[in-house]
């Protein structure tokens, strides 16, 4: 068993980065927000409680992408024993690899921060809001335990996003939220219609750019 990490002060603001599903660009968005905030002179750390990935893919893992954005080591972003080299939800990947089961309490305990003060701590989850992160929990359960100050919900801007955003924001309704419509094309009538409808019907900040999302992170 791995020893519990040494406890360090909680960042000034903890932001949970969640998504309406797999492939909406959570990691890219989290990394871009981290880079933008660092360009403003803020200290940023990123954490990925568990990650699964295709070992045959040449692409960097989520932890490596986030580490590149914050200047941390990939194993500081996601502990080495939480890297699961098979493209399934983390607890399913652990089972398929005959690795120890993932318990939510362990993920929360392992969520440690740098010893030096951190202005913004980003915690990126896996899959959609209700995708399993552990045998006994998903993103909503992680949020209850980690108590973020804000949730950034990353969504696609294409057809079907209204339903997914509404389901996700309802599941996370106890937290202040910022919705980032990723890959937004201002010349697309569909993207603009989706943005306008959501802005009128969902009571959360709506962003279509990284700079706007970063500004919302600072203001909320």
Protein backbone atom coordinates (compact mmCIF):
# COMPACT_ATOMS: atom_id res chain seq x y z
CA UNK A 1 0.00 0.00 0.00
CA UNK A 2 1.25 3.48 -0.85
CA UNK A 3 1.74 5.79 2.15
CA UNK A 4 -0.63 8.75 2.32
CA UNK A 5 0.85 11.90 0.76
CA UNK A 6 2.06 14.66 3.01
CA UNK A 7 -0.67 17.23 3.57
CA UNK A 8 0.00 20.72 2.25
CA UNK A 9 -2.13 23.87 2.32
CA UNK A 10 -5.22 23.96 0.15
CA UNK A 11 -4.92 26.32 -2.85
CA UNK A 12 -6.55 29.71 -2.60
CA UNK A 13 -9.24 28.44 -4.97
CA UNK A 14 -9.94 24.84 -5.99
CA UNK A 15 -11.60 24.44 -9.40
CA UNK A 16 -13.05 21.12 -10.51
CA UNK A 17 -12.86 20.69 -14.30
CA UNK A 18 -15.60 18.30 -15.40
CA UNK A 19 -17.08 17.40 -18.76
CA UNK A 20 -20.38 16.45 -20.30
CA UNK A 21 -18.70 13.35 -21.74
CA UNK A 22 -15.53 11.78 -23.03
CA UNK A 23 -13.74 13.64 -25.81
CA UNK A 24 -15.15 17.13 -25.17
CA UNK A 25 -11.69 18.53 -24.48
CA UNK A 26 -11.50 18.66 -20.67
CA UNK A 27 -7.75 18.16 -20.54
CA UNK A 28 -7.04 20.66 -23.31
CA UNK A 29 -9.30 23.21 -21.62
CA UNK A 30 -7.80 22.65 -18.16
CA UNK A 31 -4.28 22.98 -19.56
CA UNK A 32 -5.17 26.11 -21.52
CA UNK A 33 -6.82 27.71 -18.48
CA UNK A 34 -3.74 26.87 -16.40
CA UNK A 35 -1.45 28.47 -18.97
CA UNK A 36 -3.63 31.57 -19.21
CA UNK A 37 -3.75 32.00 -15.44
CA UNK A 38 0.01 31.53 -15.17
CA UNK A 39 0.49 34.20 -17.83
CA UNK A 40 -1.30 36.57 -15.43
CA UNK A 41 1.26 35.82 -12.74
CA UNK A 42 -0.78 33.33 -10.72
CA UNK A 43 0.56 30.10 -9.29
CA UNK A 44 -1.37 27.12 -10.65
CA UNK A 45 -1.25 23.40 -9.90
CA UNK A 46 -3.24 20.66 -11.61
CA UNK A 47 -4.35 17.28 -10.35
CA UNK A 48 -5.87 14.26 -12.09
CA UNK A 49 -6.99 11.75 -9.43
CA UNK A 50 -6.77 8.80 -11.86
CA UNK A 51 -6.19 8.43 -15.57
CA UNK A 52 -6.67 5.64 -18.09
CA UNK A 53 -5.18 5.72 -21.56
CA UNK A 54 -4.31 3.72 -24.66
CA UNK A 55 -0.67 2.64 -24.30
CA UNK A 56 -0.40 2.29 -28.09
CA UNK A 57 -1.34 5.92 -28.70
CA UNK A 58 1.50 8.36 -29.40
CA UNK A 59 -0.46 11.13 -27.72
CA UNK A 60 0.60 12.42 -24.32
CA UNK A 61 -1.45 11.27 -21.36
CA UNK A 62 -3.72 13.74 -19.59
CA UNK A 63 -1.27 13.98 -16.69
CA UNK A 64 1.56 14.81 -19.09
CA UNK A 65 -0.50 17.50 -20.83
CA UNK A 66 -1.48 19.09 -17.52
CA UNK A 67 2.08 18.86 -16.23
CA UNK A 68 3.32 20.64 -19.33
CA UNK A 69 0.90 23.47 -18.63
CA UNK A 70 1.74 23.91 -14.95
CA UNK A 71 5.43 23.03 -14.89
CA UNK A 72 4.91 20.09 -12.54
CA UNK A 73 5.98 16.47 -12.86
CA UNK A 74 3.35 14.18 -14.45
CA UNK A 75 3.44 11.94 -11.38
CA UNK A 76 2.70 14.96 -9.19
CA UNK A 77 -0.37 15.63 -11.31
CA UNK A 78 -1.48 11.98 -11.16
CA UNK A 79 0.24 9.46 -8.84
CA UNK A 80 2.06 6.75 -10.78
CA UNK A 81 -0.08 3.98 -9.28
CA UNK A 82 -3.19 5.71 -10.68
CA UNK A 83 -2.05 5.40 -14.31
CA UNK A 84 -4.13 2.67 -15.99
CA UNK A 85 -2.90 1.70 -19.48
CA UNK A 86 -6.18 0.62 -21.00
CA UNK A 87 -8.87 2.94 -22.45
CA UNK A 88 -11.70 2.31 -19.98
CA UNK A 89 -13.12 4.30 -17.09
CA UNK A 90 -10.52 4.12 -14.27
CA UNK A 91 -12.25 1.55 -12.02
CA UNK A 92 -13.07 -0.60 -15.05
CA UNK A 93 -9.48 -0.28 -16.26
CA UNK A 94 -8.17 -1.30 -12.84
CA UNK A 95 -10.39 -4.38 -12.93
CA UNK A 96 -9.36 -5.30 -16.49
CA UNK A 97 -5.68 -4.99 -15.52
CA UNK A 98 -6.16 -7.01 -12.31
CA UNK A 99 -4.99 -4.00 -10.30
CA UNK A 100 -6.37 -3.06 -6.85
CA UNK A 101 -9.85 -1.58 -6.88
CA UNK A 102 -10.16 2.20 -6.72
CA UNK A 103 -11.95 3.65 -3.71
CA UNK A 104 -13.10 7.25 -3.73
CA UNK A 105 -11.71 7.94 -0.25
CA UNK A 106 -8.25 6.95 -1.46
CA UNK A 107 -8.45 9.34 -4.43
CA UNK A 108 -9.43 12.16 -2.10
CA UNK A 109 -6.63 11.33 0.35
CA UNK A 110 -4.11 11.34 -2.49
CA UNK A 111 -5.26 14.74 -3.70
CA UNK A 112 -2.28 16.63 -2.28
CA UNK A 113 -0.95 20.04 -3.26
CA UNK A 114 2.54 21.60 -3.42
CA UNK A 115 4.16 22.78 -0.20
CA UNK A 116 4.52 26.28 -1.63
CA UNK A 117 1.37 28.45 -1.83
CA UNK A 118 -0.87 27.84 -4.85
CA UNK A 119 -3.37 30.43 -6.08
CA UNK A 120 -5.49 28.10 -8.23
CA UNK A 121 -5.72 24.33 -7.98
CA UNK A 122 -7.34 22.58 -10.94
CA UNK A 123 -8.75 19.07 -10.47
CA UNK A 124 -9.62 17.39 -13.76
CA UNK A 125 -11.93 14.40 -13.66
CA UNK A 126 -12.38 11.56 -16.18
CA UNK A 127 -15.23 11.00 -18.65
CA UNK A 128 -18.60 12.59 -18.05
CA UNK A 129 -20.09 13.82 -14.80
CA UNK A 130 -21.65 10.43 -14.04
CA UNK A 131 -18.79 8.31 -15.41
CA UNK A 132 -17.24 6.22 -12.62
CA UNK A 133 -13.99 7.48 -11.11
CA UNK A 134 -13.90 4.77 -8.45
CA UNK A 135 -15.84 1.66 -7.52
CA UNK A 136 -17.93 3.77 -5.20
CA UNK A 137 -18.09 7.18 -6.82
CA UNK A 138 -18.17 9.51 -9.80
CA UNK A 139 -17.44 13.20 -10.39
CA UNK A 140 -20.38 14.31 -8.24
CA UNK A 141 -19.16 12.17 -5.36
CA UNK A 142 -15.62 13.50 -5.80
CA UNK A 143 -16.95 17.05 -5.69
CA UNK A 144 -18.82 16.34 -2.46
CA UNK A 145 -15.61 15.06 -0.88
CA UNK A 146 -13.11 17.54 -2.36
CA UNK A 147 -15.39 20.59 -1.87
CA UNK A 148 -14.30 22.71 -4.85
CA UNK A 149 -14.97 26.43 -4.85
CA UNK A 150 -16.07 26.31 -8.48
CA UNK A 151 -16.83 23.83 -11.26
CA UNK A 152 -15.85 24.46 -14.87
CA UNK A 153 -18.06 22.26 -17.04
CA UNK A 154 -16.54 21.65 -20.47
CA UNK A 155 -19.06 20.85 -23.20
CA UNK A 156 -19.08 20.47 -26.94
CA UNK A 157 -20.83 23.20 -28.92
CA UNK A 158 -22.46 20.83 -31.43
CA UNK A 159 -25.86 19.19 -31.74
CA UNK A 160 -26.96 17.44 -28.56
CA UNK A 161 -25.03 19.63 -26.16
CA UNK A 162 -28.10 21.27 -24.61
CA UNK A 163 -29.33 17.97 -23.20
CA UNK A 164 -25.87 16.99 -21.93
CA UNK A 165 -25.22 20.38 -20.35
CA UNK A 166 -28.58 20.38 -18.58
CA UNK A 167 -28.09 16.87 -17.22
CA UNK A 168 -24.59 17.72 -16.04
CA UNK A 169 -25.43 21.07 -14.43
CA UNK A 170 -28.39 19.48 -12.63
CA UNK A 171 -26.10 16.80 -11.20
CA UNK A 172 -23.69 19.50 -10.01
CA UNK A 173 -26.32 21.98 -8.91
CA UNK A 174 -24.92 22.58 -5.41
CA UNK A 175 -21.76 24.21 -6.79
CA UNK A 176 -21.14 27.46 -8.61
CA UNK A 177 -20.51 26.58 -12.25
CA UNK A 178 -18.95 28.03 -15.37
CA UNK A 179 -19.88 26.40 -18.68
CA UNK A 180 -17.24 26.40 -21.40
CA UNK A 181 -18.53 25.56 -24.87
CA UNK A 182 -15.34 24.14 -26.30
CA UNK A 183 -14.43 24.30 -30.01
CA UNK A 184 -16.99 27.05 -30.44
CA UNK A 185 -17.20 28.41 -33.97
CA UNK A 186 -18.69 31.94 -33.97
CA UNK A 187 -19.60 31.50 -37.64
CA UNK A 188 -21.75 28.44 -36.91
CA UNK A 189 -25.46 29.17 -36.56
CA UNK A 190 -25.87 25.93 -34.59
CA UNK A 191 -23.15 26.86 -32.10
CA UNK A 192 -24.59 30.35 -31.65
CA UNK A 193 -28.10 28.98 -31.19
CA UNK A 194 -26.91 26.50 -28.58
CA UNK A 195 -25.01 29.23 -26.74
CA UNK A 196 -27.96 31.61 -26.77
CA UNK A 197 -30.43 28.96 -25.58
CA UNK A 198 -28.18 27.82 -22.75
CA UNK A 199 -27.42 31.38 -21.70
CA UNK A 200 -31.17 32.04 -21.45
CA UNK A 201 -32.18 28.82 -19.72
CA UNK A 202 -29.24 27.66 -17.57
CA UNK A 203 -28.36 29.87 -14.64
CA UNK A 204 -24.59 29.71 -14.95
CA UNK A 205 -21.84 31.73 -16.59
CA UNK A 206 -21.44 30.82 -20.25
CA UNK A 207 -18.05 31.04 -21.99
CA UNK A 208 -16.81 30.20 -25.45
CA UNK A 209 -13.12 31.11 -25.06
CA UNK A 210 -10.33 30.17 -22.68
CA UNK A 211 -9.72 33.79 -21.74
CA UNK A 212 -13.38 34.22 -20.76
CA UNK A 213 -13.36 30.96 -18.79
CA UNK A 214 -10.17 32.02 -17.00
CA UNK A 215 -11.69 35.38 -16.16
CA UNK A 216 -14.75 33.64 -14.72
CA UNK A 217 -12.48 31.41 -12.61
CA UNK A 218 -10.92 34.52 -11.08
CA UNK A 219 -14.18 36.40 -10.58
CA UNK A 220 -16.23 33.65 -8.94
